[in-house]
Amino acid sequence: MLEEFKKFAMRGNVVDLAIGVVIGAAFGKIVDSIVNDLIMPIIGAITGGLDFSNYYIPMTGAVKTGLAYADAKKAGAVLGYGSFFTAVVSFVIIAWVLFLIVKGMNRLQKKEEAAPAAPPPPTKEQELLAEIRDLLAKR
């Protein structure tokens, strides 16, 4: 059973998938940093210094308004629409980058398909017909 698992784990698709997951996790961290450290501060500056990460609606009386979102979550149930907005911006960025990657790959595939391929070798039937034609031409 160990040998069978080793065969499964070392197949190309499984290794490619594992590499994709690791790269995807790293890419997710990069996008989170772009959103939280670059885009959201710019949006906050445009909207007058708003920090979307601390926007929430208290769901219980135990949560006081004006607390940081993390402290408000500890105090009770809150509806964190600022964090949701930040997650939506992250999703849009990831979706846009993946769209551009797929579009580029499709463009490369179309160029490869458009390149003329060498004609296929003649079949045995075509070779036989060519011989018959040549023999008839000699008569």
N, C-alpha and C. Protein backbone atom coordinates (compact mmCIF):
# COMPACT_ATOMS: atom_id res chain seq x y z
N MET A 1 0.83 -1.19 0.00
CA MET A 1 0.00 0.00 0.00
C MET A 1 0.88 1.26 0.00
N LEU A 2 2.00 1.22 0.67
CA LEU A 2 2.91 2.35 0.70
C LEU A 2 3.46 2.64 -0.70
N GLU A 3 3.77 1.56 -1.43
CA GLU A 3 4.29 1.72 -2.80
C GLU A 3 3.22 2.34 -3.70
N GLU A 4 1.98 1.92 -3.52
CA GLU A 4 0.88 2.48 -4.32
C GLU A 4 0.69 3.97 -4.02
N PHE A 5 0.79 4.34 -2.73
CA PHE A 5 0.68 5.75 -2.36
C PHE A 5 1.83 6.55 -2.96
N LYS A 6 3.02 5.98 -2.96
CA LYS A 6 4.18 6.66 -3.52
C LYS A 6 3.97 6.92 -5.02
N LYS A 7 3.44 5.92 -5.74
CA LYS A 7 3.14 6.11 -7.17
C LYS A 7 2.13 7.23 -7.37
N PHE A 8 1.10 7.23 -6.54
CA PHE A 8 0.05 8.26 -6.63
C PHE A 8 0.63 9.64 -6.36
N ALA A 9 1.42 9.76 -5.30
CA ALA A 9 1.93 11.07 -4.88
C ALA A 9 2.96 11.62 -5.86
N MET A 10 3.64 10.76 -6.57
CA MET A 10 4.68 11.21 -7.47
C MET A 10 4.21 11.38 -8.91
N ARG A 11 2.94 11.12 -9.18
CA ARG A 11 2.44 11.37 -10.53
C ARG A 11 2.51 12.85 -10.82
N GLY A 12 2.69 13.19 -12.07
CA GLY A 12 2.86 14.58 -12.47
C GLY A 12 1.72 15.48 -12.04
N ASN A 13 0.48 15.03 -12.18
CA ASN A 13 -0.66 15.89 -11.87
C ASN A 13 -0.70 16.25 -10.39
N VAL A 14 -0.39 15.31 -9.52
CA VAL A 14 -0.44 15.58 -8.09
C VAL A 14 0.66 16.56 -7.69
N VAL A 15 1.84 16.37 -8.23
CA VAL A 15 2.95 17.28 -7.92
C VAL A 15 2.63 18.67 -8.47
N ASP A 16 2.12 18.75 -9.69
CA ASP A 16 1.75 20.05 -10.27
C ASP A 16 0.69 20.74 -9.43
N LEU A 17 -0.28 19.97 -8.95
CA LEU A 17 -1.33 20.55 -8.11
C LEU A 17 -0.75 21.07 -6.80
N ALA A 18 0.15 20.32 -6.20
CA ALA A 18 0.77 20.77 -4.95
C ALA A 18 1.55 22.05 -5.16
N ILE A 19 2.29 22.13 -6.25
CA ILE A 19 3.04 23.35 -6.55
C ILE A 19 2.07 24.51 -6.76
N GLY A 20 0.98 24.26 -7.46
CA GLY A 20 -0.03 25.30 -7.69
C GLY A 20 -0.63 25.81 -6.39
N VAL A 21 -0.89 24.91 -5.45
CA VAL A 21 -1.47 25.33 -4.17
C VAL A 21 -0.49 26.20 -3.40
N VAL A 22 0.78 25.81 -3.38
CA VAL A 22 1.79 26.59 -2.65
C VAL A 22 1.95 27.97 -3.30
N ILE A 23 2.05 28.01 -4.62
CA ILE A 23 2.18 29.29 -5.30
C ILE A 23 0.92 30.13 -5.11
N GLY A 24 -0.24 29.49 -5.12
CA GLY A 24 -1.49 30.20 -4.90
C GLY A 24 -1.56 30.83 -3.52
N ALA A 25 -1.07 30.11 -2.52
CA ALA A 25 -1.06 30.66 -1.16
C ALA A 25 -0.14 31.88 -1.08
N ALA A 26 1.02 31.78 -1.72
CA ALA A 26 1.94 32.91 -1.73
C ALA A 26 1.33 34.08 -2.49
N PHE A 27 0.67 33.79 -3.61
CA PHE A 27 0.02 34.83 -4.40
C PHE A 27 -1.09 35.50 -3.60
N GLY A 28 -1.82 34.71 -2.81
CA GLY A 28 -2.87 35.27 -1.96
C GLY A 28 -2.31 36.24 -0.93
N LYS A 29 -1.14 35.93 -0.37
CA LYS A 29 -0.52 36.84 0.59
C LYS A 29 -0.09 38.13 -0.08
N ILE A 30 0.42 38.01 -1.31
CA ILE A 30 0.82 39.21 -2.05
C ILE A 30 -0.39 40.09 -2.32
N VAL A 31 -1.49 39.48 -2.77
CA VAL A 31 -2.70 40.25 -3.05
C VAL A 31 -3.25 40.88 -1.78
N ASP A 32 -3.24 40.14 -0.67
CA ASP A 32 -3.69 40.73 0.60
C ASP A 32 -2.86 41.95 0.97
N SER A 33 -1.56 41.84 0.77
CA SER A 33 -0.69 42.99 1.07
C SER A 33 -0.99 44.16 0.14
N ILE A 34 -1.18 43.87 -1.15
CA ILE A 34 -1.51 44.94 -2.09
C ILE A 34 -2.80 45.64 -1.68
N VAL A 35 -3.81 44.84 -1.35
CA VAL A 35 -5.10 45.42 -0.97
C VAL A 35 -4.99 46.19 0.34
N ASN A 36 -4.45 45.56 1.38
CA ASN A 36 -4.43 46.18 2.71
C ASN A 36 -3.40 47.29 2.84
N ASP A 37 -2.27 47.18 2.15
CA ASP A 37 -1.19 48.14 2.35
C ASP A 37 -1.10 49.21 1.27
N LEU A 38 -1.69 48.95 0.09
CA LEU A 38 -1.59 49.92 -1.00
C LEU A 38 -2.95 50.47 -1.44
N ILE A 39 -3.87 49.60 -1.77
CA ILE A 39 -5.14 50.06 -2.35
C ILE A 39 -6.07 50.67 -1.31
N MET A 40 -6.28 49.97 -0.19
CA MET A 40 -7.23 50.47 0.81
C MET A 40 -6.77 51.81 1.42
N PRO A 41 -5.49 52.04 1.67
CA PRO A 41 -5.09 53.38 2.14
C PRO A 41 -5.38 54.47 1.10
N ILE A 42 -5.20 54.16 -0.17
CA ILE A 42 -5.52 55.13 -1.22
C ILE A 42 -7.03 55.41 -1.23
N ILE A 43 -7.83 54.35 -1.14
CA ILE A 43 -9.29 54.55 -1.10
C ILE A 43 -9.66 55.33 0.15
N GLY A 44 -9.02 55.02 1.28
CA GLY A 44 -9.28 55.76 2.51
C GLY A 44 -8.92 57.23 2.37
N ALA A 45 -7.80 57.53 1.71
CA ALA A 45 -7.40 58.93 1.52
C ALA A 45 -8.38 59.66 0.61
N ILE A 46 -8.87 58.98 -0.41
CA ILE A 46 -9.83 59.59 -1.33
C ILE A 46 -11.15 59.88 -0.62
N THR A 47 -11.54 58.97 0.27
CA THR A 47 -12.82 59.13 0.97
C THR A 47 -12.69 59.91 2.27
N GLY A 48 -11.55 60.53 2.51
CA GLY A 48 -11.41 61.37 3.70
C GLY A 48 -10.81 60.66 4.89
N GLY A 49 -9.96 59.69 4.68
CA GLY A 49 -9.27 59.03 5.79
C GLY A 49 -10.04 57.88 6.41
N LEU A 50 -11.00 57.32 5.71
CA LEU A 50 -11.77 56.21 6.25
C LEU A 50 -10.93 54.95 6.27
N ASP A 51 -11.03 54.21 7.36
CA ASP A 51 -10.35 52.91 7.47
C ASP A 51 -11.43 51.84 7.42
N PHE A 52 -11.56 51.22 6.27
CA PHE A 52 -12.66 50.27 6.07
C PHE A 52 -12.54 49.03 6.94
N SER A 53 -11.34 48.69 7.36
CA SER A 53 -11.17 47.47 8.15
C SER A 53 -11.85 47.57 9.51
N ASN A 54 -12.13 48.77 10.00
CA ASN A 54 -12.77 48.94 11.30
C ASN A 54 -14.24 49.31 11.21
N TYR A 55 -14.85 49.09 10.07
CA TYR A 55 -16.28 49.38 9.93
C TYR A 55 -17.09 48.14 10.27
N TYR A 56 -18.02 48.31 11.19
CA TYR A 56 -18.86 47.19 11.61
C TYR A 56 -20.16 47.73 12.17
N ILE A 57 -21.11 46.83 12.29
CA ILE A 57 -22.40 47.15 12.92
C ILE A 57 -22.53 46.24 14.14
N PRO A 58 -22.68 46.81 15.34
CA PRO A 58 -22.84 45.97 16.53
C PRO A 58 -24.16 45.21 16.48
N MET A 59 -24.13 43.95 16.82
CA MET A 59 -25.34 43.12 16.81
C MET A 59 -25.89 42.91 18.23
N THR A 60 -25.10 43.25 19.24
CA THR A 60 -25.55 43.13 20.63
C THR A 60 -25.25 44.44 21.36
N GLY A 61 -25.88 44.62 22.48
CA GLY A 61 -25.68 45.83 23.27
C GLY A 61 -24.33 45.84 23.99
N ALA A 62 -23.68 44.70 24.07
CA ALA A 62 -22.39 44.62 24.77
C ALA A 62 -21.27 45.27 23.97
N VAL A 63 -21.49 45.46 22.67
CA VAL A 63 -20.44 46.04 21.81
C VAL A 63 -20.66 47.54 21.73
N LYS A 64 -19.64 48.27 22.12
CA LYS A 64 -19.70 49.73 22.04
C LYS A 64 -19.18 50.18 20.68
N THR A 65 -19.80 51.20 20.13
CA THR A 65 -19.31 51.75 18.86
C THR A 65 -18.02 52.52 19.12
N GLY A 66 -17.16 52.57 18.14
CA GLY A 66 -15.89 53.28 18.26
C GLY A 66 -14.73 52.37 18.61
N LEU A 67 -15.00 51.12 18.97
CA LEU A 67 -13.92 50.18 19.23
C LEU A 67 -13.28 49.73 17.92
N ALA A 68 -12.07 49.28 18.00
CA ALA A 68 -11.46 48.65 16.83
C ALA A 68 -12.22 47.36 16.54
N TYR A 69 -12.23 46.95 15.29
CA TYR A 69 -13.01 45.79 14.87
C TYR A 69 -12.61 44.53 15.65
N ALA A 70 -11.32 44.32 15.85
CA ALA A 70 -10.86 43.14 16.59
C ALA A 70 -11.39 43.17 18.03
N ASP A 71 -11.37 44.34 18.67
CA ASP A 71 -11.89 44.45 20.03
C ASP A 71 -13.40 44.29 20.07
N ALA A 72 -14.08 44.80 19.05
CA ALA A 72 -15.53 44.67 18.99
C ALA A 72 -15.94 43.21 18.83
N LYS A 73 -15.18 42.45 18.04
CA LYS A 73 -15.48 41.02 17.87
C LYS A 73 -15.32 40.28 19.18
N LYS A 74 -14.34 40.69 19.99
CA LYS A 74 -14.14 40.04 21.28
C LYS A 74 -15.28 40.37 22.23
N ALA A 75 -15.85 41.56 22.10
CA ALA A 75 -16.91 41.99 23.01
C ALA A 75 -18.25 41.34 22.71
N GLY A 76 -18.49 40.97 21.46
CA GLY A 76 -19.77 40.37 21.10
C GLY A 76 -19.93 40.25 19.59
N ALA A 77 -21.15 39.97 19.18
CA ALA A 77 -21.43 39.75 17.76
C ALA A 77 -21.44 41.08 17.01
N VAL A 78 -20.71 41.13 15.91
CA VAL A 78 -20.67 42.31 15.07
C VAL A 78 -20.76 41.89 13.60
N LEU A 79 -21.27 42.78 12.80
CA LEU A 79 -21.37 42.57 11.35
C LEU A 79 -20.27 43.42 10.71
N GLY A 80 -19.15 42.79 10.31
CA GLY A 80 -17.98 43.52 9.83
C GLY A 80 -18.01 43.76 8.34
N TYR A 81 -18.76 44.76 7.91
CA TYR A 81 -18.87 45.02 6.47
C TYR A 81 -17.60 45.66 5.91
N GLY A 82 -16.76 46.27 6.72
CA GLY A 82 -15.49 46.82 6.24
C GLY A 82 -14.54 45.72 5.82
N SER A 83 -14.45 44.66 6.61
CA SER A 83 -13.62 43.52 6.26
C SER A 83 -14.15 42.82 5.01
N PHE A 84 -15.47 42.78 4.91
CA PHE A 84 -16.08 42.18 3.72
C PHE A 84 -15.72 42.99 2.47
N PHE A 85 -15.77 44.30 2.57
CA PHE A 85 -15.43 45.15 1.44
C PHE A 85 -13.97 44.92 1.02
N THR A 86 -13.09 44.80 2.00
CA THR A 86 -11.68 44.54 1.71
C THR A 86 -11.52 43.18 1.03
N ALA A 87 -12.27 42.16 1.47
CA ALA A 87 -12.20 40.84 0.85
C ALA A 87 -12.72 40.88 -0.58
N VAL A 88 -13.76 41.68 -0.84
CA VAL A 88 -14.28 41.82 -2.20
C VAL A 88 -13.23 42.46 -3.11
N VAL A 89 -12.54 43.47 -2.63
CA VAL A 89 -11.48 44.10 -3.43
C VAL A 89 -10.38 43.08 -3.73
N SER A 90 -10.00 42.25 -2.74
CA SER A 90 -9.00 41.21 -2.96
C SER A 90 -9.47 40.24 -4.03
N PHE A 91 -10.72 39.81 -3.94
CA PHE A 91 -11.27 38.88 -4.93
C PHE A 91 -11.24 39.47 -6.33
N VAL A 92 -11.63 40.72 -6.46
CA VAL A 92 -11.65 41.36 -7.78
C VAL A 92 -10.24 41.42 -8.37
N ILE A 93 -9.26 41.72 -7.54
CA ILE A 93 -7.87 41.77 -8.03
C ILE A 93 -7.41 40.38 -8.48
N ILE A 94 -7.66 39.36 -7.66
CA ILE A 94 -7.27 38.00 -8.03
C ILE A 94 -7.98 37.56 -9.31
N ALA A 95 -9.29 37.82 -9.40
CA ALA A 95 -10.04 37.43 -10.60
C ALA A 95 -9.50 38.14 -11.83
N TRP A 96 -9.14 39.42 -11.70
CA TRP A 96 -8.61 40.18 -12.84
C TRP A 96 -7.26 39.62 -13.29
N VAL A 97 -6.39 39.32 -12.35
CA VAL A 97 -5.08 38.77 -12.71
C VAL A 97 -5.23 37.40 -13.36
N LEU A 98 -6.09 36.55 -12.82
CA LEU A 98 -6.32 35.24 -13.44
C LEU A 98 -6.93 35.38 -14.83
N PHE A 99 -7.83 36.33 -15.01
CA PHE A 99 -8.41 36.59 -16.34
C PHE A 99 -7.31 36.96 -17.33
N LEU A 100 -6.40 37.85 -16.91
CA LEU A 100 -5.31 38.25 -17.80
C LEU A 100 -4.38 37.09 -18.13
N ILE A 101 -4.12 36.22 -17.15
CA ILE A 101 -3.27 35.05 -17.39
C ILE A 101 -3.92 34.10 -18.38
N VAL A 102 -5.21 33.79 -18.17
CA VAL A 102 -5.91 32.88 -19.08
C VAL A 102 -6.02 33.49 -20.48
N LYS A 103 -6.27 34.78 -20.54
CA LYS A 103 -6.35 35.45 -21.85
C LYS A 103 -5.02 35.36 -22.58
N GLY A 104 -3.92 35.58 -21.87
CA GLY A 104 -2.60 35.47 -22.48
C GLY A 104 -2.29 34.06 -22.95
N MET A 105 -2.66 33.07 -22.14
CA MET A 105 -2.43 31.67 -22.52
C MET A 105 -3.25 31.31 -23.75
N ASN A 106 -4.50 31.77 -23.81
CA ASN A 106 -5.34 31.49 -24.98
C ASN A 106 -4.75 32.13 -26.23
N ARG A 107 -4.19 33.32 -26.09
CA ARG A 107 -3.58 34.00 -27.23
C ARG A 107 -2.37 33.21 -27.73
N LEU A 108 -1.57 32.68 -26.80
CA LEU A 108 -0.41 31.88 -27.20
C LEU A 108 -0.84 30.60 -27.89
N GLN A 109 -1.91 29.95 -27.41
CA GLN A 109 -2.39 28.73 -28.02
C GLN A 109 -2.90 28.99 -29.43
N LYS A 110 -3.58 30.12 -29.64
CA LYS A 110 -4.07 30.44 -30.97
C LYS A 110 -2.92 30.64 -31.95
N LYS A 111 -1.82 31.26 -31.49
CA LYS A 111 -0.66 31.45 -32.35
C LYS A 111 -0.03 30.11 -32.73
N GLU A 112 0.02 29.19 -31.77
CA GLU A 112 0.57 27.86 -32.06
C GLU A 112 -0.32 27.11 -33.04
N GLU A 113 -1.65 27.23 -32.89
CA GLU A 113 -2.56 26.55 -33.79
C GLU A 113 -2.51 27.15 -35.19
N ALA A 114 -2.27 28.44 -35.29
CA ALA A 114 -2.26 29.10 -36.58
C ALA A 114 -1.00 28.75 -37.38
N ALA A 115 0.06 28.33 -36.72
CA ALA A 115 1.30 27.99 -37.43
C ALA A 115 1.04 26.77 -38.31
N PRO A 116 1.47 26.84 -39.60
CA PRO A 116 1.21 25.71 -40.49
C PRO A 116 2.02 24.48 -40.07
N ALA A 117 1.36 23.37 -40.07
CA ALA A 117 2.00 22.13 -39.68
C ALA A 117 2.48 21.41 -40.94
N ALA A 118 3.47 20.57 -40.79
CA ALA A 118 3.96 19.80 -41.92
C ALA A 118 2.86 18.83 -42.35
N PRO A 119 2.74 18.60 -43.66
CA PRO A 119 1.69 17.69 -44.11
C PRO A 119 1.95 16.28 -43.57
N PRO A 120 0.89 15.57 -43.26
CA PRO A 120 1.06 14.23 -42.72
C PRO A 120 1.64 13.30 -43.81
N PRO A 121 2.37 12.29 -43.39
CA PRO A 121 2.92 11.37 -44.38
C PRO A 121 1.77 10.64 -45.10
N PRO A 122 2.00 10.24 -46.35
CA PRO A 122 0.93 9.57 -47.08
C PRO A 122 0.61 8.21 -46.47
N THR A 123 -0.66 7.86 -46.58
CA THR A 123 -1.09 6.56 -46.06
C THR A 123 -0.66 5.47 -47.04
N LYS A 124 -0.76 4.23 -46.62
CA LYS A 124 -0.39 3.12 -47.49
C LYS A 124 -1.25 3.10 -48.75
N GLU A 125 -2.51 3.45 -48.58
CA GLU A 125 -3.42 3.48 -49.74
C GLU A 125 -2.98 4.55 -50.73
N GLN A 126 -2.59 5.71 -50.23
CA GLN A 126 -2.12 6.78 -51.11
C GLN A 126 -0.82 6.39 -51.81
N GLU A 127 0.09 5.69 -51.09
CA GLU A 127 1.33 5.24 -51.71
C GLU A 127 1.04 4.25 -52.82
N LEU A 128 0.11 3.32 -52.57
CA LEU A 128 -0.26 2.32 -53.58
C LEU A 128 -0.88 2.99 -54.80
N LEU A 129 -1.75 3.96 -54.58
CA LEU A 129 -2.37 4.67 -55.70
C LEU A 129 -1.32 5.45 -56.50
N ALA A 130 -0.33 6.02 -55.81
CA ALA A 130 0.74 6.74 -56.49
C ALA A 130 1.57 5.79 -57.35
N GLU A 131 1.84 4.58 -56.86
CA GLU A 131 2.57 3.59 -57.65
C GLU A 131 1.79 3.19 -58.89
N ILE A 132 0.48 2.96 -58.70
CA ILE A 132 -0.37 2.59 -59.85
C ILE A 132 -0.36 3.73 -60.87
N ARG A 133 -0.48 4.96 -60.41
CA ARG A 133 -0.46 6.11 -61.31
C ARG A 133 0.85 6.17 -62.09
N ASP A 134 1.95 5.94 -61.39
CA ASP A 134 3.26 6.01 -62.04
C ASP A 134 3.41 4.88 -63.07
N LEU A 135 2.90 3.67 -62.74
CA LEU A 135 2.97 2.55 -63.69
C LEU A 135 2.12 2.84 -64.94
N LEU A 136 0.94 3.40 -64.73
CA LEU A 136 0.07 3.75 -65.87
C LEU A 136 0.69 4.84 -66.72
N ALA A 137 1.39 5.77 -66.08
CA ALA A 137 2.02 6.87 -66.81
C ALA A 137 3.17 6.34 -67.67
N LYS A 138 3.86 5.27 -67.25
CA LYS A 138 4.96 4.71 -68.02
C LYS A 138 4.47 3.99 -69.28
N ARG A 139 3.25 3.47 -69.31
CA ARG A 139 2.71 2.73 -70.46
C ARG A 139 2.44 3.62 -71.56
